[in-house]
Amino acid sequence: MAMVNKDIFIGSRVTPGRYPESPKSYFLKNEKGLFKESINTWGKEMTNIGMITDAEFADLDNDGVSELIIAGEWMPISVFKFENVTYKNRTSEFGLDKKIRLVELSNYF
């Protein structure tokens, strides 16, 4: 059985007693079973992105490389694509930077 080296993203939500301050999030790179902090290399703009409640890797554009989707309190849903050894915010490319007005929602009720 082949071992797969998975890296880890830890999205932080809140620091006790400091709500609504955005705590630091982390990327841990798996280097043969040892995890090394890599947020400054892989995703510097994610360091204090917000109060993260959910994050998931998924290949949204079917290119074989998973994007990182992040959601949280008082922040937009954000999509980060791995390009040239770092994650870049590509939310607009996936159409998630658009604002929805109440008028547009009225068609759904």
N, C-alpha and C. Protein backbone atom coordinates (compact mmCIF):
# COMPACT_ATOMS: atom_id res chain seq x y z
N MET A 1 0.84 -1.17 0.00
CA MET A 1 0.00 0.00 0.00
C MET A 1 0.89 1.25 0.00
N ALA A 2 0.62 2.16 -0.88
CA ALA A 2 1.39 3.40 -0.98
C ALA A 2 0.91 4.40 0.06
N MET A 3 1.85 5.09 0.67
CA MET A 3 1.50 6.11 1.65
C MET A 3 1.37 7.45 0.93
N VAL A 4 0.29 8.16 1.22
CA VAL A 4 0.07 9.47 0.61
C VAL A 4 0.41 10.53 1.65
N ASN A 5 1.30 11.44 1.29
CA ASN A 5 1.66 12.54 2.19
C ASN A 5 0.66 13.67 2.01
N LYS A 6 -0.19 13.86 3.00
CA LYS A 6 -1.19 14.93 2.95
C LYS A 6 -0.68 16.13 3.74
N ASP A 7 -0.92 17.31 3.19
CA ASP A 7 -0.61 18.54 3.89
C ASP A 7 -1.88 18.97 4.63
N ILE A 8 -1.74 19.88 5.58
CA ILE A 8 -2.87 20.27 6.42
C ILE A 8 -3.06 21.78 6.40
N PHE A 9 -4.32 22.22 6.26
CA PHE A 9 -4.68 23.62 6.45
C PHE A 9 -5.50 23.70 7.73
N ILE A 10 -5.12 24.57 8.63
CA ILE A 10 -5.87 24.78 9.87
C ILE A 10 -6.42 26.19 9.84
N GLY A 11 -7.73 26.29 9.67
CA GLY A 11 -8.39 27.58 9.66
C GLY A 11 -8.85 27.92 11.06
N SER A 12 -8.43 29.06 11.57
CA SER A 12 -8.77 29.46 12.93
C SER A 12 -10.02 30.32 12.95
N ARG A 13 -10.83 30.15 13.99
CA ARG A 13 -12.08 30.88 14.08
C ARG A 13 -12.05 32.03 15.07
N VAL A 14 -11.58 31.77 16.27
CA VAL A 14 -11.60 32.83 17.29
C VAL A 14 -10.54 32.56 18.35
N THR A 15 -10.01 33.65 18.89
CA THR A 15 -9.12 33.57 20.04
C THR A 15 -9.96 33.93 21.26
N PRO A 16 -9.99 33.09 22.28
CA PRO A 16 -10.82 33.37 23.46
C PRO A 16 -10.58 34.78 24.02
N GLY A 17 -11.68 35.48 24.25
CA GLY A 17 -11.61 36.83 24.80
C GLY A 17 -11.26 37.91 23.80
N ARG A 18 -11.11 37.55 22.51
CA ARG A 18 -10.68 38.54 21.50
C ARG A 18 -11.63 38.60 20.31
N TYR A 19 -12.87 38.10 20.46
CA TYR A 19 -13.86 38.16 19.39
C TYR A 19 -14.15 39.62 19.08
N PRO A 20 -14.21 40.05 17.86
CA PRO A 20 -14.17 39.37 16.57
C PRO A 20 -12.82 39.48 15.85
N GLU A 21 -11.75 39.54 16.58
CA GLU A 21 -10.42 39.60 15.97
C GLU A 21 -10.14 38.33 15.17
N SER A 22 -9.56 38.48 13.99
CA SER A 22 -9.23 37.32 13.15
C SER A 22 -7.94 36.67 13.62
N PRO A 23 -8.00 35.41 14.07
CA PRO A 23 -6.79 34.72 14.50
C PRO A 23 -5.98 34.22 13.31
N LYS A 24 -4.76 33.81 13.57
CA LYS A 24 -3.88 33.29 12.52
C LYS A 24 -4.29 31.89 12.11
N SER A 25 -4.28 31.63 10.80
CA SER A 25 -4.50 30.29 10.26
C SER A 25 -3.16 29.70 9.86
N TYR A 26 -3.14 28.39 9.61
CA TYR A 26 -1.87 27.70 9.38
C TYR A 26 -1.94 26.74 8.20
N PHE A 27 -0.83 26.62 7.47
CA PHE A 27 -0.59 25.56 6.51
C PHE A 27 0.55 24.73 7.06
N LEU A 28 0.35 23.42 7.14
CA LEU A 28 1.42 22.54 7.58
C LEU A 28 1.79 21.63 6.43
N LYS A 29 3.02 21.73 5.95
CA LYS A 29 3.51 20.92 4.85
C LYS A 29 4.07 19.62 5.40
N ASN A 30 3.61 18.51 4.84
CA ASN A 30 4.07 17.19 5.26
C ASN A 30 5.37 16.87 4.54
N GLU A 31 6.43 16.83 5.30
CA GLU A 31 7.74 16.47 4.74
C GLU A 31 8.16 15.12 5.34
N LYS A 32 7.67 14.06 4.69
CA LYS A 32 7.97 12.69 5.11
C LYS A 32 7.54 12.42 6.56
N GLY A 33 6.34 12.88 6.90
CA GLY A 33 5.79 12.63 8.23
C GLY A 33 6.06 13.71 9.25
N LEU A 34 6.89 14.67 8.92
CA LEU A 34 7.13 15.81 9.80
C LEU A 34 6.44 17.03 9.20
N PHE A 35 5.65 17.73 10.02
CA PHE A 35 4.89 18.87 9.51
C PHE A 35 5.62 20.17 9.77
N LYS A 36 5.75 20.97 8.71
CA LYS A 36 6.47 22.24 8.78
C LYS A 36 5.51 23.37 8.45
N GLU A 37 5.49 24.42 9.29
CA GLU A 37 4.64 25.58 9.07
C GLU A 37 5.02 26.24 7.74
N SER A 38 4.03 26.43 6.86
CA SER A 38 4.31 26.93 5.51
C SER A 38 3.37 28.04 5.06
N ILE A 39 2.66 28.70 5.97
CA ILE A 39 1.69 29.73 5.57
C ILE A 39 2.36 30.88 4.82
N ASN A 40 3.58 31.25 5.20
CA ASN A 40 4.25 32.37 4.52
C ASN A 40 4.69 32.01 3.11
N THR A 41 4.87 30.73 2.83
CA THR A 41 5.26 30.28 1.49
C THR A 41 4.03 30.00 0.64
N TRP A 42 3.08 29.26 1.19
CA TRP A 42 1.94 28.78 0.40
C TRP A 42 0.74 29.72 0.35
N GLY A 43 0.51 30.47 1.40
CA GLY A 43 -0.71 31.26 1.41
C GLY A 43 -0.66 32.46 2.33
N LYS A 44 0.28 33.32 2.09
CA LYS A 44 0.48 34.48 2.96
C LYS A 44 -0.81 35.30 3.14
N GLU A 45 -1.60 35.45 2.07
CA GLU A 45 -2.81 36.26 2.19
C GLU A 45 -3.92 35.55 2.99
N MET A 46 -3.69 34.30 3.38
CA MET A 46 -4.65 33.58 4.21
C MET A 46 -4.30 33.64 5.69
N THR A 47 -3.18 34.23 6.04
CA THR A 47 -2.71 34.24 7.43
C THR A 47 -3.80 34.72 8.39
N ASN A 48 -4.39 35.86 8.12
CA ASN A 48 -5.45 36.42 8.96
C ASN A 48 -6.69 36.73 8.12
N ILE A 49 -7.13 35.77 7.33
CA ILE A 49 -8.23 35.99 6.39
C ILE A 49 -9.56 36.27 7.09
N GLY A 50 -9.76 35.72 8.26
CA GLY A 50 -11.02 35.94 8.96
C GLY A 50 -11.30 34.83 9.96
N MET A 51 -12.53 34.82 10.46
CA MET A 51 -12.96 33.81 11.43
C MET A 51 -13.52 32.61 10.67
N ILE A 52 -12.68 31.68 10.35
CA ILE A 52 -13.01 30.56 9.48
C ILE A 52 -13.87 29.53 10.20
N THR A 53 -14.98 29.18 9.54
CA THR A 53 -15.86 28.15 10.08
C THR A 53 -15.80 26.86 9.28
N ASP A 54 -15.33 26.92 8.04
CA ASP A 54 -15.23 25.72 7.21
C ASP A 54 -14.20 25.92 6.11
N ALA A 55 -13.52 24.85 5.77
CA ALA A 55 -12.55 24.87 4.68
C ALA A 55 -12.51 23.48 4.07
N GLU A 56 -12.38 23.44 2.77
CA GLU A 56 -12.33 22.15 2.09
C GLU A 56 -11.53 22.27 0.80
N PHE A 57 -10.81 21.19 0.49
CA PHE A 57 -10.11 21.11 -0.79
C PHE A 57 -11.00 20.37 -1.78
N ALA A 58 -11.14 20.93 -2.99
CA ALA A 58 -11.92 20.29 -4.05
C ALA A 58 -11.42 20.82 -5.39
N ASP A 59 -11.45 19.97 -6.40
CA ASP A 59 -11.01 20.36 -7.74
C ASP A 59 -12.20 20.96 -8.48
N LEU A 60 -12.39 22.26 -8.33
CA LEU A 60 -13.56 22.95 -8.89
C LEU A 60 -13.51 23.09 -10.41
N ASP A 61 -12.32 23.19 -10.97
CA ASP A 61 -12.20 23.42 -12.42
C ASP A 61 -11.70 22.19 -13.18
N ASN A 62 -11.68 21.03 -12.51
CA ASN A 62 -11.31 19.76 -13.14
C ASN A 62 -9.95 19.78 -13.83
N ASP A 63 -8.97 20.47 -13.21
CA ASP A 63 -7.63 20.50 -13.79
C ASP A 63 -6.68 19.53 -13.08
N GLY A 64 -7.21 18.75 -12.14
CA GLY A 64 -6.39 17.79 -11.42
C GLY A 64 -5.71 18.34 -10.18
N VAL A 65 -5.89 19.63 -9.90
CA VAL A 65 -5.31 20.27 -8.71
C VAL A 65 -6.45 20.83 -7.87
N SER A 66 -6.48 20.46 -6.61
CA SER A 66 -7.57 20.91 -5.73
C SER A 66 -7.41 22.38 -5.33
N GLU A 67 -8.52 23.09 -5.36
CA GLU A 67 -8.57 24.45 -4.84
C GLU A 67 -8.96 24.37 -3.36
N LEU A 68 -8.63 25.41 -2.61
CA LEU A 68 -9.02 25.50 -1.21
C LEU A 68 -10.17 26.49 -1.11
N ILE A 69 -11.32 26.02 -0.61
CA ILE A 69 -12.50 26.85 -0.45
C ILE A 69 -12.64 27.15 1.04
N ILE A 70 -12.78 28.43 1.37
CA ILE A 70 -12.85 28.86 2.76
C ILE A 70 -14.11 29.68 2.98
N ALA A 71 -14.80 29.41 4.11
CA ALA A 71 -15.98 30.19 4.50
C ALA A 71 -15.84 30.52 5.98
N GLY A 72 -16.47 31.62 6.38
CA GLY A 72 -16.39 31.99 7.78
C GLY A 72 -17.34 33.10 8.16
N GLU A 73 -17.27 33.49 9.42
CA GLU A 73 -18.11 34.57 9.93
C GLU A 73 -17.63 35.91 9.39
N TRP A 74 -18.56 36.72 8.94
CA TRP A 74 -18.29 38.08 8.49
C TRP A 74 -17.23 38.14 7.40
N MET A 75 -17.22 37.15 6.55
CA MET A 75 -16.27 37.12 5.44
C MET A 75 -16.92 36.44 4.24
N PRO A 76 -16.47 36.76 3.04
CA PRO A 76 -17.04 36.09 1.86
C PRO A 76 -16.49 34.67 1.71
N ILE A 77 -17.21 33.84 0.98
CA ILE A 77 -16.66 32.55 0.59
C ILE A 77 -15.49 32.86 -0.34
N SER A 78 -14.36 32.21 -0.11
CA SER A 78 -13.17 32.50 -0.90
C SER A 78 -12.60 31.21 -1.48
N VAL A 79 -12.07 31.31 -2.71
CA VAL A 79 -11.47 30.17 -3.39
C VAL A 79 -10.02 30.50 -3.71
N PHE A 80 -9.12 29.61 -3.28
CA PHE A 80 -7.69 29.79 -3.52
C PHE A 80 -7.18 28.65 -4.40
N LYS A 81 -6.48 29.03 -5.45
CA LYS A 81 -5.94 28.07 -6.41
C LYS A 81 -4.43 27.99 -6.25
N PHE A 82 -3.88 26.78 -6.28
CA PHE A 82 -2.44 26.57 -6.14
C PHE A 82 -1.76 26.86 -7.48
N GLU A 83 -0.94 27.91 -7.50
CA GLU A 83 -0.24 28.33 -8.72
C GLU A 83 1.19 28.74 -8.35
N ASN A 84 2.16 28.19 -9.04
CA ASN A 84 3.56 28.58 -8.83
C ASN A 84 3.96 28.53 -7.35
N VAL A 85 3.74 27.41 -6.74
CA VAL A 85 4.09 27.09 -5.35
C VAL A 85 3.42 27.96 -4.28
N THR A 86 2.29 28.58 -4.60
CA THR A 86 1.54 29.34 -3.60
C THR A 86 0.06 29.34 -3.95
N TYR A 87 -0.78 29.57 -2.96
CA TYR A 87 -2.22 29.66 -3.19
C TYR A 87 -2.58 31.11 -3.47
N LYS A 88 -3.30 31.33 -4.58
CA LYS A 88 -3.72 32.66 -4.99
C LYS A 88 -5.24 32.75 -4.89
N ASN A 89 -5.73 33.91 -4.44
CA ASN A 89 -7.17 34.11 -4.34
C ASN A 89 -7.76 34.25 -5.75
N ARG A 90 -8.58 33.29 -6.12
CA ARG A 90 -9.22 33.27 -7.44
C ARG A 90 -10.74 33.22 -7.31
N THR A 91 -11.26 33.82 -6.25
CA THR A 91 -12.69 33.81 -5.98
C THR A 91 -13.50 34.35 -7.15
N SER A 92 -13.05 35.44 -7.76
CA SER A 92 -13.79 36.04 -8.86
C SER A 92 -13.87 35.13 -10.08
N GLU A 93 -12.85 34.32 -10.32
CA GLU A 93 -12.86 33.40 -11.46
C GLU A 93 -13.95 32.34 -11.32
N PHE A 94 -14.38 32.07 -10.09
CA PHE A 94 -15.42 31.08 -9.86
C PHE A 94 -16.77 31.74 -9.61
N GLY A 95 -16.86 33.06 -9.80
CA GLY A 95 -18.12 33.78 -9.71
C GLY A 95 -18.65 33.99 -8.31
N LEU A 96 -17.81 33.84 -7.31
CA LEU A 96 -18.28 33.98 -5.93
C LEU A 96 -18.04 35.37 -5.35
N ASP A 97 -17.60 36.30 -6.17
CA ASP A 97 -17.39 37.66 -5.71
C ASP A 97 -18.60 38.54 -5.98
N LYS A 98 -19.64 37.99 -6.55
CA LYS A 98 -20.84 38.74 -6.90
C LYS A 98 -21.71 38.96 -5.68
N LYS A 99 -22.36 40.10 -5.63
CA LYS A 99 -23.29 40.39 -4.55
C LYS A 99 -24.70 40.03 -5.02
N ILE A 100 -25.47 39.45 -4.13
CA ILE A 100 -26.85 39.09 -4.44
C ILE A 100 -27.76 40.10 -3.75
N ARG A 101 -28.63 40.69 -4.54
CA ARG A 101 -29.57 41.66 -3.97
C ARG A 101 -30.85 40.95 -3.59
N LEU A 102 -31.61 41.53 -2.68
CA LEU A 102 -32.86 40.95 -2.22
C LEU A 102 -33.82 40.74 -3.38
N VAL A 103 -33.80 41.64 -4.35
CA VAL A 103 -34.68 41.51 -5.52
C VAL A 103 -34.40 40.21 -6.26
N GLU A 104 -33.12 39.84 -6.38
CA GLU A 104 -32.74 38.62 -7.08
C GLU A 104 -33.21 37.38 -6.32
N LEU A 105 -33.28 37.45 -5.00
CA LEU A 105 -33.73 36.33 -4.20
C LEU A 105 -35.23 36.13 -4.25
N SER A 106 -35.98 37.18 -4.57
CA SER A 106 -37.45 37.08 -4.57
C SER A 106 -37.96 36.04 -5.57
N ASN A 107 -37.19 35.75 -6.60
CA ASN A 107 -37.61 34.75 -7.58
C ASN A 107 -37.55 33.33 -7.03
N TYR A 108 -36.86 33.14 -5.91
CA TYR A 108 -36.71 31.81 -5.33
C TYR A 108 -37.80 31.47 -4.33
N PHE A 109 -38.63 32.43 -3.95
CA PHE A 109 -39.67 32.18 -2.94
C PHE A 109 -41.04 32.12 -3.55
